[in-house]
Amino acid sequence: PGCRLLQFLSYLGACDRLLKQGYEEGQVEEAMEMFQYSEKKAAEFLHLLAQFNDMGFQQNEIKEVLLLCGNQREKALEELVMK
């Protein structure tokens, strides 16, 4: 039980840090789940999602491409442009 509590507190801390960077709560939770609670990978995903969103790409397409490309910016951008 103690281990689960530490994992939960770690998860809350990661979510809090990502929220403070200006990401939406729903997106933060979704990203954390998609990347098995890896704050680093979730942060990369959220950053790229926001970047590509600002470029005018559709959010659902961005999510799909980022997952397929493992958060590789250049590869994901190529895929989005080809769609």
Protein backbone atom coordinates (compact mmCIF):
# COMPACT_ATOMS: atom_id res chain seq x y z
CA PRO A 1 0.00 0.00 0.00
CA GLY A 2 2.86 2.44 0.75
CA CYS A 3 4.28 1.95 -2.74
CA ARG A 4 0.94 2.82 -4.34
CA LEU A 5 0.72 5.97 -2.27
CA LEU A 6 4.18 7.07 -3.41
CA GLN A 7 3.24 6.39 -7.04
CA PHE A 8 0.05 8.39 -6.63
CA LEU A 9 1.87 11.32 -5.01
CA SER A 10 4.46 11.22 -7.80
CA TYR A 11 1.63 11.24 -10.37
CA LEU A 12 -0.03 14.22 -8.66
CA GLY A 13 3.26 16.12 -8.56
CA ALA A 14 3.87 15.47 -12.26
CA CYS A 15 0.34 16.57 -13.15
CA ASP A 16 0.72 19.70 -11.07
CA ARG A 17 3.99 20.64 -12.80
CA LEU A 18 2.44 20.11 -16.24
CA LEU A 19 -0.66 22.12 -15.31
CA LYS A 20 1.58 24.99 -14.16
CA GLN A 21 3.09 25.00 -17.67
CA GLY A 22 -0.36 25.96 -18.94
CA TYR A 23 -1.66 22.64 -20.28
CA GLU A 24 -5.32 21.72 -19.79
CA GLU A 25 -6.16 19.24 -17.04
CA GLY A 26 -7.87 16.74 -19.36
CA GLN A 27 -4.92 16.75 -21.73
CA VAL A 28 -2.44 16.30 -18.90
CA GLU A 29 -4.33 13.30 -17.49
CA GLU A 30 -4.71 11.76 -20.95
CA ALA A 31 -1.01 12.24 -21.76
CA MET A 32 0.08 10.77 -18.42
CA GLU A 33 -2.06 7.68 -19.01
CA MET A 34 -0.88 7.26 -22.62
CA PHE A 35 2.76 7.25 -21.53
CA GLN A 36 2.37 5.04 -18.43
CA TYR A 37 2.78 8.06 -16.15
CA SER A 38 6.13 9.16 -17.57
CA GLU A 39 6.22 12.89 -16.91
CA LYS A 40 9.01 13.40 -19.45
CA LYS A 41 7.18 11.68 -22.30
CA ALA A 42 3.87 13.31 -21.39
CA ALA A 43 5.54 16.74 -21.35
CA GLU A 44 7.11 16.11 -24.79
CA PHE A 45 3.74 15.01 -26.15
CA LEU A 46 1.88 18.03 -24.73
CA HIS A 47 4.53 20.43 -26.03
CA LEU A 48 4.36 18.98 -29.56
CA LEU A 49 0.57 18.80 -29.44
CA ALA A 50 0.40 22.52 -28.65
CA GLN A 51 3.01 23.34 -31.31
CA PHE A 52 1.24 21.43 -34.08
CA ASN A 53 -2.13 22.74 -32.92
CA ASP A 54 -0.79 26.29 -33.33
CA MET A 55 0.24 25.36 -36.89
CA GLY A 56 -3.42 24.58 -37.64
CA PHE A 57 -3.42 20.78 -37.58
CA GLN A 58 -6.41 18.91 -36.11
CA GLN A 59 -5.90 17.72 -32.54
CA ASN A 60 -7.11 14.14 -33.11
CA GLU A 61 -4.72 13.77 -36.09
CA ILE A 62 -1.85 15.23 -34.07
CA LYS A 63 -2.41 12.76 -31.21
CA GLU A 64 -2.52 9.80 -33.58
CA VAL A 65 0.63 10.82 -35.44
CA LEU A 66 2.59 11.61 -32.27
CA LEU A 67 1.76 8.18 -30.84
CA LEU A 68 2.75 6.45 -34.08
CA CYS A 69 5.99 8.43 -34.33
CA GLY A 70 6.91 8.16 -30.65
CA ASN A 71 6.95 11.94 -30.14
CA GLN A 72 9.57 12.43 -32.88
CA ARG A 73 8.89 15.99 -34.02
CA GLU A 74 10.28 15.87 -37.57
CA LYS A 75 8.74 12.52 -38.39
CA ALA A 76 5.37 13.57 -36.96
CA LEU A 77 5.43 16.85 -38.89
CA GLU A 78 6.12 14.95 -42.13
CA GLU A 79 3.15 12.66 -41.46
CA LEU A 80 0.85 15.58 -40.68
CA VAL A 81 1.84 17.47 -43.80
CA MET A 82 1.22 14.38 -45.96
CA LYS A 83 -2.32 13.88 -44.56
